[in-house]
C-alpha atoms as a PDB file:
ATOM      1  CA  MET A   1       0.002   0.034  -0.012  1.00  0.00           C
ATOM      2  CA  ASN A   2       1.385   3.340  -0.940  1.00  0.00           C
ATOM      3  CA  ASP A   3       1.102   6.225   1.523  1.00  0.00           C
ATOM      4  CA  VAL A   4       1.231   9.176  -0.845  1.00  0.00           C
ATOM      5  CA  VAL A   5       0.627  12.611   0.283  1.00  0.00           C
ATOM      6  CA  ILE A   6      -1.348  14.788  -2.007  1.00  0.00           C
ATOM      7  CA  ASP A   7      -1.264  18.549  -1.950  1.00  0.00           C
ATOM      8  CA  VAL A   8      -4.951  19.224  -1.550  1.00  0.00           C
ATOM      9  CA  THR A   9      -4.485  22.947  -2.105  1.00  0.00           C
ATOM     10  CA  ASP A  10      -3.438  22.495  -5.709  1.00  0.00           C
ATOM     11  CA  PRO A  11      -6.564  21.860  -7.877  1.00  0.00           C
ATOM     12  CA  ASP A  12      -4.522  20.334 -10.742  1.00  0.00           C
ATOM     13  CA  THR A  13      -2.925  17.877  -8.414  1.00  0.00           C
ATOM     14  CA  LEU A  14      -6.374  16.924  -7.038  1.00  0.00           C
ATOM     15  CA  LEU A  15      -7.713  16.529 -10.572  1.00  0.00           C
ATOM     16  CA  ALA A  16      -4.804  14.278 -11.634  1.00  0.00           C
ATOM     17  CA  GLU A  17      -5.276  12.139  -8.521  1.00  0.00           C
ATOM     18  CA  VAL A  18      -9.042  11.819  -9.168  1.00  0.00           C
ATOM     19  CA  ARG A  19      -8.246  10.805 -12.792  1.00  0.00           C
ATOM     20  CA  ARG A  20      -5.779   8.277 -11.590  1.00  0.00           C
ATOM     21  CA  LEU A  21      -8.077   6.790  -9.001  1.00  0.00           C
ATOM     22  CA  LYS A  22     -10.962   6.542 -11.655  1.00  0.00           C
ATOM     23  CA  ALA A  23      -8.589   4.666 -14.027  1.00  0.00           C
ATOM     24  CA  GLU A  24      -7.550   2.426 -11.172  1.00  0.00           C
ATOM     25  CA  ILE A  25     -11.188   1.682 -10.268  1.00  0.00           C
ATOM     26  CA  ALA A  26     -11.964   0.980 -13.943  1.00  0.00           C
ATOM     27  CA  GLN A  27      -9.054  -1.601 -14.105  1.00  0.00           C
ATOM     28  CA  LEU A  28     -10.304  -3.204 -10.846  1.00  0.00           C
ATOM     29  CA  GLN A  29     -13.845  -3.480 -12.222  1.00  0.00           C
ATOM     30  CA  GLU A  30     -12.594  -5.042 -15.434  1.00  0.00           C
ATOM     31  CA  ARG A  31     -10.648  -7.619 -13.365  1.00  0.00           C
ATOM     32  CA  VAL A  32     -13.707  -8.452 -11.229  1.00  0.00           C
ATOM     33  CA  GLU A  33     -15.693  -8.965 -14.422  1.00  0.00           C
ATOM     34  CA  LEU A  34     -12.994 -11.294 -15.801  1.00  0.00           C
ATOM     35  CA  LEU A  35     -12.762 -13.309 -12.649  1.00  0.00           C
ATOM     36  CA  ASP A  36     -16.521 -13.591 -12.550  1.00  0.00           C
ATOM     37  CA  ARG A  37     -16.522 -14.916 -16.154  1.00  0.00           C
ATOM     38  CA  LEU A  38     -13.742 -17.363 -15.322  1.00  0.00           C
ATOM     39  CA  ALA A  39     -15.730 -18.589 -12.286  1.00  0.00           C
ATOM     40  CA  TYR A  40     -18.728 -19.550 -14.481  1.00  0.00           C
ATOM     41  CA  GLN A  41     -17.267 -20.164 -17.890  1.00  0.00           C
ATOM     42  CA  ASP A  42     -15.285 -23.120 -19.185  1.00  0.00           C
ATOM     43  CA  VAL A  43     -11.646 -22.169 -20.002  1.00  0.00           C
ATOM     44  CA  LEU A  44     -11.438 -24.253 -23.159  1.00  0.00           C
ATOM     45  CA  ILE A  45     -14.847 -23.966 -24.661  1.00  0.00           C
ATOM     46  CA  ASP A  46     -17.009 -20.917 -24.866  1.00  0.00           C
ATOM     47  CA  LEU A  47     -19.765 -22.537 -22.626  1.00  0.00           C
ATOM     48  CA  PRO A  48     -20.660 -22.222 -18.999  1.00  0.00           C
ATOM     49  CA  ASN A  49     -18.722 -24.549 -16.702  1.00  0.00           C
ATOM     50  CA  ARG A  50     -20.249 -26.705 -14.004  1.00  0.00           C
ATOM     51  CA  ARG A  51     -20.785 -23.800 -11.669  1.00  0.00           C
ATOM     52  CA  GLY A  52     -22.415 -21.785 -14.331  1.00  0.00           C
ATOM     53  CA  PHE A  53     -24.634 -24.717 -15.280  1.00  0.00           C
ATOM     54  CA  MET A  54     -25.776 -25.063 -11.746  1.00  0.00           C
ATOM     55  CA  ARG A  55     -26.951 -21.444 -11.748  1.00  0.00           C
ATOM     56  CA  HIS A  56     -29.074 -22.324 -14.850  1.00  0.00           C
ATOM     57  CA  LEU A  57     -30.267 -25.549 -13.293  1.00  0.00           C
ATOM     58  CA  GLU A  58     -31.465 -23.784 -10.124  1.00  0.00           C
ATOM     59  CA  ALA A  59     -33.274 -21.221 -12.121  1.00  0.00           C
ATOM     60  CA  ALA A  60     -35.010 -23.962 -14.215  1.00  0.00           C
ATOM     61  CA  ILE A  61     -36.035 -25.833 -11.128  1.00  0.00           C
ATOM     62  CA  ASP A  62     -37.547 -22.534  -9.744  1.00  0.00           C
ATOM     63  CA  ARG A  63     -39.490 -21.930 -12.968  1.00  0.00           C
ATOM     64  CA  VAL A  64     -40.767 -25.586 -12.954  1.00  0.00           C
ATOM     65  CA  SER A  65     -41.846 -25.176  -9.236  1.00  0.00           C
ATOM     66  CA  ARG A  66     -43.367 -21.744  -9.504  1.00  0.00           C
ATOM     67  CA  TYR A  67     -45.069 -21.709 -12.853  1.00  0.00           C
ATOM     68  CA  ASP A  68     -45.765 -25.477 -13.300  1.00  0.00           C
ATOM     69  CA  ASP A  69     -43.404 -25.235 -16.296  1.00  0.00           C
ATOM     70  CA  SER A  70     -41.574 -28.218 -17.870  1.00  0.00           C
ATOM     71  CA  ALA A  71     -37.884 -28.754 -18.325  1.00  0.00           C
ATOM     72  CA  ALA A  72     -35.365 -31.610 -18.490  1.00  0.00           C
ATOM     73  CA  MET A  73     -31.603 -32.092 -18.279  1.00  0.00           C
ATOM     74  CA  LEU A  74     -29.510 -34.118 -20.716  1.00  0.00           C
ATOM     75  CA  PHE A  75     -26.201 -35.520 -19.283  1.00  0.00           C
ATOM     76  CA  VAL A  76     -23.892 -36.099 -22.320  1.00  0.00           C
ATOM     77  CA  ASP A  77     -20.732 -38.222 -22.138  1.00  0.00           C
ATOM     78  CA  ILE A  78     -18.354 -38.410 -25.088  1.00  0.00           C
ATOM     79  CA  ASP A  79     -17.353 -42.043 -25.823  1.00  0.00           C
ATOM     80  CA  GLY A  80     -13.786 -42.843 -26.380  1.00  0.00           C
ATOM     81  CA  LEU A  81     -12.194 -39.506 -25.618  1.00  0.00           C
ATOM     82  CA  LYS A  82      -9.494 -41.129 -23.495  1.00  0.00           C
ATOM     83  CA  MET A  83      -8.523 -43.197 -26.530  1.00  0.00           C
ATOM     84  CA  ILE A  84      -8.246 -40.085 -28.714  1.00  0.00           C
ATOM     85  CA  ASN A  85      -6.149 -38.378 -26.033  1.00  0.00           C
ATOM     86  CA  ASP A  86      -3.904 -41.399 -25.542  1.00  0.00           C
ATOM     87  CA  THR A  87      -3.481 -42.141 -29.233  1.00  0.00           C
ATOM     88  CA  PHE A  88      -3.310 -38.748 -30.858  1.00  0.00           C
ATOM     89  CA  GLY A  89      -2.567 -36.499 -27.923  1.00  0.00           C
ATOM     90  CA  HIS A  90      -4.581 -33.815 -25.977  1.00  0.00           C
ATOM     91  CA  GLN A  91      -4.761 -31.377 -28.813  1.00  0.00           C
ATOM     92  CA  ALA A  92      -6.785 -33.943 -30.710  1.00  0.00           C
ATOM     93  CA  GLY A  93      -8.939 -34.534 -27.569  1.00  0.00           C
ATOM     94  CA  ASP A  94      -9.477 -30.833 -27.145  1.00  0.00           C
ATOM     95  CA  GLU A  95     -10.478 -30.378 -30.779  1.00  0.00           C
ATOM     96  CA  ALA A  96     -12.974 -33.356 -30.432  1.00  0.00           C
ATOM     97  CA  LEU A  97     -14.405 -31.579 -27.295  1.00  0.00           C
ATOM     98  CA  MET A  98     -14.760 -28.338 -29.196  1.00  0.00           C
ATOM     99  CA  GLN A  99     -16.392 -30.071 -32.150  1.00  0.00           C
ATOM    100  CA  VAL A 100     -18.855 -31.881 -29.972  1.00  0.00           C
ATOM    101  CA  ALA A 101     -19.635 -28.778 -27.936  1.00  0.00           C
ATOM    102  CA  ASP A 102     -20.275 -26.785 -31.054  1.00  0.00           C
ATOM    103  CA  MET A 103     -22.703 -29.441 -32.423  1.00  0.00           C
ATOM    104  CA  LEU A 104     -24.532 -29.647 -29.107  1.00  0.00           C
ATOM    105  CA  ALA A 105     -25.032 -25.980 -28.980  1.00  0.00           C
ATOM    106  CA  LYS A 106     -26.229 -25.878 -32.621  1.00  0.00           C
ATOM    107  CA  GLY A 107     -28.410 -28.914 -32.013  1.00  0.00           C
ATOM    108  CA  VAL A 108     -30.681 -27.195 -29.339  1.00  0.00           C
ATOM    109  CA  ARG A 109     -32.585 -24.020 -29.155  1.00  0.00           C
ATOM    110  CA  LYS A 110     -30.856 -20.678 -28.238  1.00  0.00           C
ATOM    111  CA  SER A 111     -32.977 -20.607 -25.129  1.00  0.00           C
ATOM    112  CA  ASP A 112     -31.597 -24.003 -23.943  1.00  0.00           C
ATOM    113  CA  CYS A 113     -28.288 -24.072 -21.875  1.00  0.00           C
ATOM    114  CA  VAL A 114     -25.344 -26.211 -23.005  1.00  0.00           C
ATOM    115  CA  ALA A 115     -22.451 -26.390 -20.485  1.00  0.00           C
ATOM    116  CA  ARG A 116     -19.227 -28.281 -20.082  1.00  0.00           C
ATOM    117  CA  LEU A 117     -19.555 -30.138 -16.713  1.00  0.00           C
ATOM    118  CA  GLY A 118     -15.865 -31.288 -16.795  1.00  0.00           C
ATOM    119  CA  GLY A 119     -13.723 -33.671 -18.711  1.00  0.00           C
ATOM    120  CA  ASP A 120     -15.765 -35.223 -21.486  1.00  0.00           C
ATOM    121  CA  GLU A 121     -19.195 -34.501 -19.906  1.00  0.00           C
ATOM    122  CA  PHE A 122     -21.695 -31.916 -20.963  1.00  0.00           C
ATOM    123  CA  GLY A 123     -25.038 -30.792 -19.469  1.00  0.00           C
ATOM    124  CA  ILE A 124     -27.975 -29.517 -21.430  1.00  0.00           C
ATOM    125  CA  LEU A 125     -31.042 -27.885 -19.946  1.00  0.00           C
ATOM    126  CA  LEU A 126     -34.066 -28.026 -22.180  1.00  0.00           C
ATOM    127  CA  GLU A 127     -36.738 -25.727 -21.201  1.00  0.00           C
ATOM    128  CA  ARG A 128     -40.530 -26.160 -21.828  1.00  0.00           C
ATOM    129  CA  VAL A 129     -40.003 -29.733 -22.865  1.00  0.00           C
ATOM    130  CA  ASN A 130     -41.538 -33.050 -21.581  1.00  0.00           C
ATOM    131  CA  GLU A 131     -39.786 -36.405 -21.431  1.00  0.00           C
ATOM    132  CA  VAL A 132     -40.800 -37.311 -24.985  1.00  0.00           C
ATOM    133  CA  GLY A 133     -39.409 -34.018 -26.303  1.00  0.00           C
ATOM    134  CA  ALA A 134     -36.218 -34.443 -24.342  1.00  0.00           C
ATOM    135  CA  SER A 135     -35.855 -38.048 -25.655  1.00  0.00           C
ATOM    136  CA  GLU A 136     -36.397 -36.826 -29.338  1.00  0.00           C
ATOM    137  CA  THR A 137     -33.723 -34.093 -28.771  1.00  0.00           C
ATOM    138  CA  ALA A 138     -31.253 -36.637 -27.201  1.00  0.00           C
ATOM    139  CA  ASP A 139     -31.817 -39.082 -30.103  1.00  0.00           C
ATOM    140  CA  ARG A 140     -31.245 -36.300 -32.661  1.00  0.00           C
ATOM    141  CA  LEU A 141     -28.007 -35.195 -30.955  1.00  0.00           C
ATOM    142  CA  VAL A 142     -26.719 -38.764 -30.753  1.00  0.00           C
ATOM    143  CA  SER A 143     -27.313 -39.277 -34.445  1.00  0.00           C
ATOM    144  CA  MET A 144     -25.901 -35.855 -35.342  1.00  0.00           C
ATOM    145  CA  ILE A 145     -22.628 -36.486 -33.616  1.00  0.00           C
ATOM    146  CA  ALA A 146     -22.326 -40.066 -34.888  1.00  0.00           C
ATOM    147  CA  ASP A 147     -22.839 -38.809 -38.375  1.00  0.00           C
ATOM    148  CA  CYS A 148     -20.239 -35.943 -38.104  1.00  0.00           C
ATOM    149  CA  GLU A 149     -16.763 -36.294 -39.574  1.00  0.00           C
ATOM    150  CA  PHE A 150     -14.032 -35.461 -37.119  1.00  0.00           C
ATOM    151  CA  CYS A 151     -10.559 -35.435 -38.619  1.00  0.00           C
ATOM    152  CA  PHE A 152      -7.326 -34.664 -36.865  1.00  0.00           C
ATOM    153  CA  GLN A 153      -4.129 -34.255 -38.780  1.00  0.00           C
ATOM    154  CA  GLY A 154      -5.521 -36.286 -41.714  1.00  0.00           C
ATOM    155  CA  THR A 155      -6.957 -39.094 -39.742  1.00  0.00           C
ATOM    156  CA  CYS A 156     -10.838 -39.302 -39.422  1.00  0.00           C
ATOM    157  CA  LEU A 157     -12.014 -40.516 -36.090  1.00  0.00           C
ATOM    158  CA  PRO A 158     -15.560 -41.559 -35.068  1.00  0.00           C
ATOM    159  CA  LEU A 159     -17.281 -39.577 -32.370  1.00  0.00           C
ATOM    160  CA  SER A 160     -20.164 -40.726 -30.447  1.00  0.00           C
ATOM    161  CA  VAL A 161     -22.008 -39.790 -27.168  1.00  0.00           C
ATOM    162  CA  ALA A 162     -24.199 -41.408 -24.605  1.00  0.00           C
ATOM    163  CA  ILE A 163     -27.096 -39.125 -23.310  1.00  0.00           C
ATOM    164  CA  GLY A 164     -29.090 -39.616 -20.099  1.00  0.00           C
ATOM    165  CA  ILE A 165     -32.308 -37.700 -19.464  1.00  0.00           C
ATOM    166  CA  SER A 166     -33.783 -36.373 -16.191  1.00  0.00           C
ATOM    167  CA  VAL A 167     -37.175 -34.553 -16.253  1.00  0.00           C
ATOM    168  CA  ILE A 168     -37.100 -31.807 -13.705  1.00  0.00           C
ATOM    169  CA  GLU A 169     -39.850 -32.071 -11.076  1.00  0.00           C
ATOM    170  CA  PRO A 170     -41.192 -29.255  -8.962  1.00  0.00           C
ATOM    171  CA  ASN A 171     -39.083 -28.684  -5.861  1.00  0.00           C
ATOM    172  CA  ASP A 172     -36.358 -30.868  -7.219  1.00  0.00           C
ATOM    173  CA  GLN A 173     -32.750 -30.463  -5.911  1.00  0.00           C
ATOM    174  CA  PRO A 174     -30.036 -29.703  -8.532  1.00  0.00           C
ATOM    175  CA  GLU A 175     -27.875 -32.582  -7.382  1.00  0.00           C
ATOM    176  CA  ALA A 176     -30.734 -34.968  -7.534  1.00  0.00           C
ATOM    177  CA  VAL A 177     -31.514 -33.899 -11.173  1.00  0.00           C
ATOM    178  CA  MET A 178     -27.938 -34.319 -12.108  1.00  0.00           C
ATOM    179  CA  ALA A 179     -27.596 -37.733 -10.378  1.00  0.00           C
ATOM    180  CA  ARG A 180     -30.683 -39.043 -12.235  1.00  0.00           C
ATOM    181  CA  ALA A 181     -29.416 -37.800 -15.605  1.00  0.00           C
ATOM    182  CA  ASP A 182     -25.939 -39.258 -14.903  1.00  0.00           C
ATOM    183  CA  LEU A 183     -27.391 -42.673 -13.953  1.00  0.00           C
ATOM    184  CA  ALA A 184     -29.569 -42.640 -17.104  1.00  0.00           C
ATOM    185  CA  MET A 185     -26.470 -41.883 -19.209  1.00  0.00           C
ATOM    186  CA  TYR A 186     -24.601 -44.903 -17.668  1.00  0.00           C
ATOM    187  CA  ARG A 187     -27.565 -47.081 -18.476  1.00  0.00           C
ATOM    188  CA  GLN A 188     -27.393 -45.836 -22.098  1.00  0.00           C
ATOM    189  CA  LYS A 189     -23.629 -46.715 -22.176  1.00  0.00           C
ATOM    190  CA  ALA A 190     -24.405 -50.120 -20.699  1.00  0.00           C
ATOM    191  CA  ALA A 191     -27.143 -50.845 -23.268  1.00  0.00           C
ATOM    192  CA  ALA A 192     -24.966 -49.912 -26.269  1.00  0.00           C
END
């Protein structure tokens, strides 16, 4: 901390100090905004992270509870990402993650929330959708990703995902919604 003595009798010195302090405050505000974005945004992919997703999930549960609205969560797991990382390196894995993230975001409505929960897992919140609509969306996303072409340094690699669905109930708990969707995703993997 700097203990600087300012000559308060000189108006030019006071104005210069006010300008300096305003610039310092602006820099601090930018830093706070950056830290807030980093706290809720994935560092690799331009999507919310788990913490950001939990904010959206809590808000969706509130809407379902308060307005008798409908919503569902999709828990998406990329199949074989470890093999891609181990065989072709983490750059290939990162590019696969980014391609899947892009397809997931393009495969749902703009009002839906797609987030990277961590590693090779994504969460999708579908607003105003019942179980049938959520299942149709999940099937469409699975097909879209399986049909895509992912190539890394001249080698084309297959991509696939398993998706579990959890319909959000009134007064649900975020952890319970995620646990049900995660369990449903593992059932999908086991059935494949």
